[in-house]
Amino acid sequence: MGDLERMLIESACERLVTQYCHFVDHGEAERVAELFEDDGVWASPENTMTGVAKIRAGFRQRQDNIARMSRHVCCNLLIDVVDADHASGTVYLTLYRHDGEPTRRTSPSAAPAIVGEYRDQFVRTSGGWRFARREIAVSFVAPQERRT
């Protein structure tokens, strides 16, 4: 594989990561689900959703049932191209969020809710690059986020 092809794959995967954060933060469940292959997996320590329909339903439930302002701040993206149709990646995540209706255009600020990393598997489909699997590994969690 040539350098140009490798860079194009890395760029396509990086765009998926950026789109995911933007769509989640702006309550676009349909568009989040479209970033996954048909039998793609989204996994967290508390929940696993398999397949586009379940991912769509999970993110739709989030946007419909929770008044939430969130911002996924991602950095240190590392994409490893496996072959012309597969890649893997990690990206550090700092998640800020406020649950509840904001009283003005901005929401109250606090420490990050979560600091961790996404561990991603990417696959080229007939529709372009998609997540085959997106898993969050949590390193730090704010006290108010701990579940008992």
N, C-alpha and C. Protein backbone atom coordinates (compact mmCIF):
# COMPACT_ATOMS: atom_id res chain seq x y z
N MET A 1 0.85 -1.18 0.00
CA MET A 1 0.00 0.00 0.00
C MET A 1 0.89 1.24 0.00
N GLY A 2 0.53 2.19 -0.84
CA GLY A 2 1.31 3.41 -0.93
C GLY A 2 0.96 4.42 0.16
N ASP A 3 1.83 5.40 0.33
CA ASP A 3 1.62 6.43 1.35
C ASP A 3 0.32 7.20 1.14
N LEU A 4 0.00 7.51 -0.11
CA LEU A 4 -1.22 8.28 -0.39
C LEU A 4 -2.46 7.50 0.02
N GLU A 5 -2.53 6.22 -0.32
CA GLU A 5 -3.69 5.41 0.06
C GLU A 5 -3.80 5.32 1.58
N ARG A 6 -2.68 5.13 2.26
CA ARG A 6 -2.68 5.07 3.73
C ARG A 6 -3.20 6.39 4.32
N MET A 7 -2.74 7.51 3.79
CA MET A 7 -3.18 8.82 4.30
C MET A 7 -4.67 9.04 4.04
N LEU A 8 -5.17 8.59 2.90
CA LEU A 8 -6.60 8.74 2.61
C LEU A 8 -7.45 7.91 3.57
N ILE A 9 -6.99 6.71 3.89
CA ILE A 9 -7.71 5.87 4.86
C ILE A 9 -7.68 6.53 6.24
N GLU A 10 -6.51 7.00 6.66
CA GLU A 10 -6.41 7.67 7.96
C GLU A 10 -7.33 8.88 8.02
N SER A 11 -7.39 9.65 6.95
CA SER A 11 -8.25 10.84 6.91
C SER A 11 -9.72 10.46 6.99
N ALA A 12 -10.12 9.42 6.29
CA ALA A 12 -11.52 8.98 6.32
C ALA A 12 -11.91 8.51 7.72
N CYS A 13 -11.02 7.79 8.39
CA CYS A 13 -11.31 7.33 9.75
C CYS A 13 -11.34 8.49 10.73
N GLU A 14 -10.43 9.44 10.57
CA GLU A 14 -10.43 10.63 11.43
C GLU A 14 -11.74 11.40 11.26
N ARG A 15 -12.23 11.50 10.04
CA ARG A 15 -13.50 12.19 9.79
C ARG A 15 -14.66 11.49 10.50
N LEU A 16 -14.66 10.15 10.51
CA LEU A 16 -15.70 9.42 11.24
C LEU A 16 -15.69 9.79 12.73
N VAL A 17 -14.50 9.84 13.31
CA VAL A 17 -14.36 10.19 14.73
C VAL A 17 -14.93 11.58 14.99
N THR A 18 -14.60 12.53 14.14
CA THR A 18 -15.08 13.90 14.30
C THR A 18 -16.58 13.99 14.09
N GLN A 19 -17.09 13.32 13.07
CA GLN A 19 -18.54 13.34 12.82
C GLN A 19 -19.30 12.75 14.00
N TYR A 20 -18.81 11.65 14.54
CA TYR A 20 -19.46 11.01 15.68
C TYR A 20 -19.63 12.01 16.82
N CYS A 21 -18.56 12.67 17.20
CA CYS A 21 -18.62 13.62 18.32
C CYS A 21 -19.60 14.75 18.02
N HIS A 22 -19.54 15.28 16.83
CA HIS A 22 -20.43 16.38 16.45
C HIS A 22 -21.90 15.93 16.48
N PHE A 23 -22.19 14.78 15.90
CA PHE A 23 -23.58 14.31 15.83
C PHE A 23 -24.13 13.97 17.22
N VAL A 24 -23.31 13.35 18.07
CA VAL A 24 -23.77 13.04 19.43
C VAL A 24 -24.04 14.34 20.19
N ASP A 25 -23.12 15.29 20.12
CA ASP A 25 -23.27 16.54 20.85
C ASP A 25 -24.46 17.36 20.39
N HIS A 26 -24.89 17.17 19.16
CA HIS A 26 -26.00 17.95 18.62
C HIS A 26 -27.29 17.14 18.48
N GLY A 27 -27.35 15.98 19.14
CA GLY A 27 -28.59 15.20 19.20
C GLY A 27 -29.05 14.65 17.86
N GLU A 28 -28.13 14.21 17.04
CA GLU A 28 -28.48 13.69 15.71
C GLU A 28 -28.31 12.17 15.68
N ALA A 29 -29.26 11.47 16.34
CA ALA A 29 -29.18 10.02 16.49
C ALA A 29 -29.14 9.30 15.15
N GLU A 30 -29.93 9.74 14.20
CA GLU A 30 -29.95 9.09 12.89
C GLU A 30 -28.57 9.13 12.25
N ARG A 31 -27.94 10.28 12.33
CA ARG A 31 -26.63 10.44 11.68
C ARG A 31 -25.54 9.68 12.44
N VAL A 32 -25.67 9.58 13.77
CA VAL A 32 -24.73 8.76 14.54
C VAL A 32 -24.79 7.32 14.04
N ALA A 33 -25.99 6.78 13.93
CA ALA A 33 -26.17 5.38 13.53
C ALA A 33 -25.62 5.11 12.13
N GLU A 34 -25.73 6.09 11.25
CA GLU A 34 -25.25 5.92 9.87
C GLU A 34 -23.73 5.79 9.79
N LEU A 35 -23.03 6.12 10.86
CA LEU A 35 -21.57 6.01 10.88
C LEU A 35 -21.09 4.58 11.12
N PHE A 36 -22.02 3.67 11.45
CA PHE A 36 -21.68 2.28 11.77
C PHE A 36 -22.06 1.36 10.61
N GLU A 37 -21.28 0.29 10.45
CA GLU A 37 -21.67 -0.72 9.47
C GLU A 37 -22.93 -1.41 9.99
N ASP A 38 -23.61 -2.17 9.13
CA ASP A 38 -24.91 -2.75 9.48
C ASP A 38 -24.90 -3.52 10.78
N ASP A 39 -23.85 -4.31 11.04
CA ASP A 39 -23.79 -5.07 12.29
C ASP A 39 -22.73 -4.50 13.23
N GLY A 40 -22.51 -3.19 13.13
CA GLY A 40 -21.54 -2.51 13.97
C GLY A 40 -21.90 -2.58 15.44
N VAL A 41 -20.90 -2.35 16.28
CA VAL A 41 -21.07 -2.44 17.73
C VAL A 41 -20.62 -1.13 18.37
N TRP A 42 -21.46 -0.63 19.30
CA TRP A 42 -21.10 0.49 20.16
C TRP A 42 -21.09 -0.07 21.58
N ALA A 43 -19.98 0.10 22.32
CA ALA A 43 -19.88 -0.51 23.64
C ALA A 43 -19.30 0.47 24.65
N SER A 44 -19.88 0.42 25.86
CA SER A 44 -19.37 1.16 27.00
C SER A 44 -19.30 0.18 28.17
N PRO A 45 -18.74 0.59 29.31
CA PRO A 45 -18.71 -0.32 30.45
C PRO A 45 -20.11 -0.74 30.92
N GLU A 46 -21.13 0.06 30.59
CA GLU A 46 -22.48 -0.22 31.08
C GLU A 46 -23.44 -0.76 30.03
N ASN A 47 -23.08 -0.69 28.76
CA ASN A 47 -24.06 -1.00 27.72
C ASN A 47 -23.35 -1.40 26.43
N THR A 48 -23.94 -2.33 25.70
CA THR A 48 -23.47 -2.69 24.37
C THR A 48 -24.67 -2.70 23.44
N MET A 49 -24.52 -2.04 22.29
CA MET A 49 -25.56 -2.03 21.27
C MET A 49 -24.96 -2.60 19.99
N THR A 50 -25.63 -3.58 19.41
CA THR A 50 -25.14 -4.22 18.19
C THR A 50 -26.15 -4.02 17.07
N GLY A 51 -25.66 -3.52 15.94
CA GLY A 51 -26.51 -3.28 14.78
C GLY A 51 -26.97 -1.84 14.72
N VAL A 52 -27.11 -1.36 13.49
CA VAL A 52 -27.49 0.04 13.28
C VAL A 52 -28.82 0.37 13.93
N ALA A 53 -29.80 -0.53 13.86
CA ALA A 53 -31.13 -0.25 14.43
C ALA A 53 -31.04 -0.03 15.94
N LYS A 54 -30.27 -0.86 16.64
CA LYS A 54 -30.15 -0.71 18.10
C LYS A 54 -29.34 0.53 18.47
N ILE A 55 -28.31 0.81 17.68
CA ILE A 55 -27.52 2.03 17.93
C ILE A 55 -28.39 3.26 17.72
N ARG A 56 -29.16 3.26 16.64
CA ARG A 56 -30.07 4.38 16.37
C ARG A 56 -31.06 4.54 17.52
N ALA A 57 -31.67 3.44 17.96
CA ALA A 57 -32.66 3.50 19.05
C ALA A 57 -32.02 3.99 20.34
N GLY A 58 -30.81 3.54 20.64
CA GLY A 58 -30.14 3.97 21.86
C GLY A 58 -29.83 5.45 21.87
N PHE A 59 -29.34 5.96 20.76
CA PHE A 59 -29.04 7.39 20.70
C PHE A 59 -30.31 8.23 20.58
N ARG A 60 -31.34 7.69 19.95
CA ARG A 60 -32.61 8.40 19.89
C ARG A 60 -33.21 8.51 21.29
N GLN A 61 -33.13 7.43 22.06
CA GLN A 61 -33.64 7.46 23.44
C GLN A 61 -32.88 8.50 24.25
N ARG A 62 -31.58 8.56 24.07
CA ARG A 62 -30.77 9.56 24.78
C ARG A 62 -31.24 10.96 24.43
N GLN A 63 -31.42 11.24 23.15
CA GLN A 63 -31.79 12.60 22.76
C GLN A 63 -33.23 12.93 23.14
N ASP A 64 -34.12 11.93 23.17
CA ASP A 64 -35.52 12.19 23.48
C ASP A 64 -35.81 12.26 24.98
N ASN A 65 -35.03 11.53 25.78
CA ASN A 65 -35.36 11.40 27.20
C ASN A 65 -34.49 12.22 28.13
N ILE A 66 -33.42 12.76 27.63
CA ILE A 66 -32.50 13.49 28.51
C ILE A 66 -32.25 14.87 27.93
N ALA A 67 -32.54 15.88 28.73
CA ALA A 67 -32.14 17.24 28.34
C ALA A 67 -30.66 17.35 28.70
N ARG A 68 -29.81 17.29 27.68
CA ARG A 68 -28.38 17.24 27.94
C ARG A 68 -27.63 18.13 26.96
N MET A 69 -26.68 18.87 27.50
CA MET A 69 -25.70 19.58 26.70
C MET A 69 -24.39 18.83 26.89
N SER A 70 -23.76 18.42 25.79
CA SER A 70 -22.49 17.71 25.91
C SER A 70 -21.50 18.21 24.87
N ARG A 71 -20.24 18.04 25.19
CA ARG A 71 -19.17 18.32 24.25
C ARG A 71 -18.11 17.23 24.42
N HIS A 72 -17.92 16.47 23.37
CA HIS A 72 -16.88 15.44 23.33
C HIS A 72 -15.62 16.10 22.77
N VAL A 73 -14.61 16.24 23.60
CA VAL A 73 -13.34 16.84 23.18
C VAL A 73 -12.36 15.68 22.97
N CYS A 74 -11.96 15.48 21.73
CA CYS A 74 -11.10 14.35 21.39
C CYS A 74 -9.74 14.83 20.91
N CYS A 75 -8.71 14.07 21.26
CA CYS A 75 -7.35 14.40 20.83
C CYS A 75 -6.51 13.12 20.81
N ASN A 76 -5.26 13.28 20.41
CA ASN A 76 -4.30 12.16 20.38
C ASN A 76 -4.84 10.99 19.56
N LEU A 77 -5.40 11.31 18.42
CA LEU A 77 -5.95 10.29 17.52
C LEU A 77 -4.81 9.53 16.86
N LEU A 78 -4.87 8.22 16.95
CA LEU A 78 -3.88 7.35 16.33
C LEU A 78 -4.61 6.30 15.51
N ILE A 79 -4.43 6.33 14.20
CA ILE A 79 -5.07 5.38 13.29
C ILE A 79 -3.99 4.42 12.78
N ASP A 80 -4.25 3.13 12.86
CA ASP A 80 -3.37 2.12 12.30
C ASP A 80 -4.10 1.43 11.15
N VAL A 81 -3.58 1.57 9.96
CA VAL A 81 -4.18 0.95 8.78
C VAL A 81 -3.73 -0.51 8.75
N VAL A 82 -4.71 -1.42 8.76
CA VAL A 82 -4.43 -2.85 8.74
C VAL A 82 -4.23 -3.31 7.30
N ASP A 83 -5.19 -2.96 6.45
CA ASP A 83 -5.12 -3.25 5.02
C ASP A 83 -6.05 -2.27 4.31
N ALA A 84 -6.30 -2.48 3.05
CA ALA A 84 -7.09 -1.52 2.26
C ALA A 84 -8.53 -1.38 2.75
N ASP A 85 -9.02 -2.34 3.54
CA ASP A 85 -10.42 -2.32 3.98
C ASP A 85 -10.61 -2.31 5.49
N HIS A 86 -9.52 -2.27 6.25
CA HIS A 86 -9.64 -2.33 7.71
C HIS A 86 -8.60 -1.41 8.37
N ALA A 87 -9.02 -0.80 9.46
CA ALA A 87 -8.12 0.04 10.25
C ALA A 87 -8.58 -0.03 11.71
N SER A 88 -7.69 0.34 12.60
CA SER A 88 -8.05 0.44 14.02
C SER A 88 -7.55 1.79 14.51
N GLY A 89 -8.07 2.21 15.65
CA GLY A 89 -7.65 3.49 16.16
C GLY A 89 -7.96 3.67 17.62
N THR A 90 -7.26 4.62 18.22
CA THR A 90 -7.59 5.08 19.57
C THR A 90 -7.62 6.59 19.54
N VAL A 91 -8.47 7.14 20.39
CA VAL A 91 -8.57 8.59 20.52
C VAL A 91 -8.91 8.90 21.97
N TYR A 92 -8.21 9.85 22.55
CA TYR A 92 -8.50 10.26 23.92
C TYR A 92 -9.77 11.10 23.94
N LEU A 93 -10.56 10.92 24.98
CA LEU A 93 -11.83 11.62 25.13
C LEU A 93 -11.88 12.35 26.46
N THR A 94 -12.27 13.61 26.41
CA THR A 94 -12.66 14.37 27.60
C THR A 94 -14.09 14.80 27.34
N LEU A 95 -15.01 14.34 28.19
CA LEU A 95 -16.44 14.61 27.99
C LEU A 95 -16.94 15.57 29.05
N TYR A 96 -17.46 16.68 28.58
CA TYR A 96 -18.15 17.64 29.44
C TYR A 96 -19.63 17.50 29.17
N ARG A 97 -20.44 17.51 30.23
CA ARG A 97 -21.88 17.46 30.01
C ARG A 97 -22.64 18.07 31.17
N HIS A 98 -23.83 18.52 30.82
CA HIS A 98 -24.76 19.07 31.80
C HIS A 98 -26.12 18.47 31.51
N ASP A 99 -26.68 17.77 32.49
CA ASP A 99 -28.03 17.23 32.34
C ASP A 99 -29.02 18.20 32.95
N GLY A 100 -30.09 18.45 32.23
CA GLY A 100 -31.10 19.40 32.66
C GLY A 100 -31.17 20.54 31.67
N GLU A 101 -32.30 21.18 31.65
CA GLU A 101 -32.50 22.28 30.72
C GLU A 101 -31.56 23.43 31.07
N PRO A 102 -30.80 23.92 30.10
CA PRO A 102 -29.96 25.08 30.38
C PRO A 102 -30.83 26.30 30.64
N THR A 103 -30.38 27.15 31.55
CA THR A 103 -31.16 28.34 31.89
C THR A 103 -30.83 29.51 30.98
N ARG A 104 -29.80 29.37 30.20
CA ARG A 104 -29.40 30.40 29.24
C ARG A 104 -28.65 29.69 28.12
N ARG A 105 -28.02 30.44 27.26
CA ARG A 105 -27.35 29.83 26.11
C ARG A 105 -26.19 28.92 26.51
N THR A 106 -25.61 29.16 27.68
CA THR A 106 -24.54 28.30 28.15
C THR A 106 -25.01 27.54 29.38
N SER A 107 -24.39 26.41 29.64
CA SER A 107 -24.75 25.58 30.78
C SER A 107 -23.70 25.71 31.86
N PRO A 108 -24.06 25.37 33.10
CA PRO A 108 -23.07 25.40 34.18
C PRO A 108 -21.90 24.48 33.85
N SER A 109 -20.72 24.89 34.25
CA SER A 109 -19.52 24.12 33.96
C SER A 109 -19.07 23.37 35.21
N ALA A 110 -18.49 22.25 34.99
CA ALA A 110 -17.93 21.45 36.07
C ALA A 110 -16.71 20.73 35.51
N ALA A 111 -16.11 19.92 36.36
CA ALA A 111 -15.01 19.08 35.88
C ALA A 111 -15.53 18.15 34.79
N PRO A 112 -14.65 17.62 33.98
CA PRO A 112 -15.12 16.68 32.96
C PRO A 112 -15.88 15.51 33.60
N ALA A 113 -16.94 15.09 32.94
CA ALA A 113 -17.71 13.94 33.43
C ALA A 113 -16.90 12.66 33.28
N ILE A 114 -16.20 12.56 32.17
CA ILE A 114 -15.43 11.35 31.87
C ILE A 114 -14.14 11.74 31.14
N VAL A 115 -13.08 11.04 31.46
CA VAL A 115 -11.85 11.08 30.67
C VAL A 115 -11.52 9.63 30.36
N GLY A 116 -11.28 9.36 29.11
CA GLY A 116 -10.99 7.99 28.71
C GLY A 116 -10.51 7.95 27.28
N GLU A 117 -10.76 6.83 26.64
CA GLU A 117 -10.39 6.72 25.24
C GLU A 117 -11.39 5.84 24.50
N TYR A 118 -11.56 6.16 23.25
CA TYR A 118 -12.31 5.30 22.35
C TYR A 118 -11.33 4.34 21.71
N ARG A 119 -11.75 3.10 21.60
CA ARG A 119 -10.98 2.08 20.88
C ARG A 119 -11.84 1.67 19.69
N ASP A 120 -11.38 1.98 18.51
CA ASP A 120 -12.19 1.85 17.31
C ASP A 120 -11.66 0.79 16.35
N GLN A 121 -12.60 0.14 15.68
CA GLN A 121 -12.31 -0.73 14.54
C GLN A 121 -13.09 -0.15 13.37
N PHE A 122 -12.41 0.11 12.27
CA PHE A 122 -13.02 0.70 11.08
C PHE A 122 -13.04 -0.32 9.96
N VAL A 123 -14.05 -0.21 9.10
CA VAL A 123 -14.15 -1.09 7.94
C VAL A 123 -14.64 -0.29 6.74
N ARG A 124 -14.08 -0.59 5.57
CA ARG A 124 -14.56 0.04 4.34
C ARG A 124 -15.77 -0.75 3.85
N THR A 125 -16.87 -0.05 3.60
CA THR A 125 -18.08 -0.67 3.08
C THR A 125 -18.36 -0.09 1.70
N SER A 126 -19.42 -0.57 1.08
CA SER A 126 -19.79 0.00 -0.23
C SER A 126 -20.19 1.46 -0.10
N GLY A 127 -20.58 1.88 1.11
CA GLY A 127 -20.95 3.27 1.36
C GLY A 127 -19.82 4.12 1.90
N GLY A 128 -18.62 3.56 1.98
CA GLY A 128 -17.48 4.29 2.52
C GLY A 128 -17.04 3.69 3.85
N TRP A 129 -16.17 4.40 4.55
CA TRP A 129 -15.65 3.92 5.83
C TRP A 129 -16.70 4.06 6.92
N ARG A 130 -16.78 3.03 7.78
CA ARG A 130 -17.73 3.01 8.88
C ARG A 130 -17.05 2.41 10.12
N PHE A 131 -17.66 2.66 11.28
CA PHE A 131 -17.22 1.98 12.49
C PHE A 131 -17.71 0.53 12.43
N ALA A 132 -16.81 -0.42 12.63
CA ALA A 132 -17.21 -1.80 12.86
C ALA A 132 -17.46 -1.97 14.36
N ARG A 133 -16.65 -1.27 15.16
CA ARG A 133 -16.81 -1.31 16.61
C ARG A 133 -16.26 -0.01 17.19
N ARG A 134 -17.00 0.54 18.14
CA ARG A 134 -16.55 1.72 18.89
C ARG A 134 -16.77 1.41 20.35
N GLU A 135 -15.69 1.37 21.10
CA GLU A 135 -15.76 1.02 22.52
C GLU A 135 -15.10 2.12 23.33
N ILE A 136 -15.75 2.53 24.41
CA ILE A 136 -15.16 3.53 25.28
C ILE A 136 -14.56 2.83 26.50
N ALA A 137 -13.34 3.18 26.81
CA ALA A 137 -12.66 2.72 28.02
C ALA A 137 -12.50 3.94 28.91
N VAL A 138 -13.11 3.91 30.07
CA VAL A 138 -13.11 5.05 30.98
C VAL A 138 -11.92 4.96 31.93
N SER A 139 -11.13 6.04 31.97
CA SER A 139 -9.98 6.11 32.88
C SER A 139 -10.31 6.87 34.15
N PHE A 140 -11.03 7.98 34.01
CA PHE A 140 -11.41 8.83 35.14
C PHE A 140 -12.88 9.18 35.00
N VAL A 141 -13.56 9.27 36.14
CA VAL A 141 -14.97 9.65 36.12
C VAL A 141 -15.21 10.63 37.27
N ALA A 142 -15.97 11.68 36.98
CA ALA A 142 -16.28 12.67 38.01
C ALA A 142 -17.15 12.03 39.09
N PRO A 143 -17.00 12.47 40.35
CA PRO A 143 -17.77 11.87 41.44
C PRO A 143 -19.28 11.86 41.17
N GLN A 144 -19.82 12.91 40.57
CA GLN A 144 -21.26 12.96 40.33
C GLN A 144 -21.70 11.96 39.25
N GLU A 145 -20.76 11.40 38.51
CA GLU A 145 -21.07 10.44 37.46
C GLU A 145 -21.05 9.00 37.94
N ARG A 146 -20.50 8.76 39.12
CA ARG A 146 -20.38 7.39 39.62
C ARG A 146 -21.76 6.81 39.90
N ARG A 147 -21.93 5.58 39.47
CA ARG A 147 -23.19 4.88 39.71
C ARG A 147 -22.97 3.91 40.87
N THR A 148 -23.92 3.85 41.77
CA THR A 148 -23.77 2.94 42.91
C THR A 148 -24.68 1.76 42.77
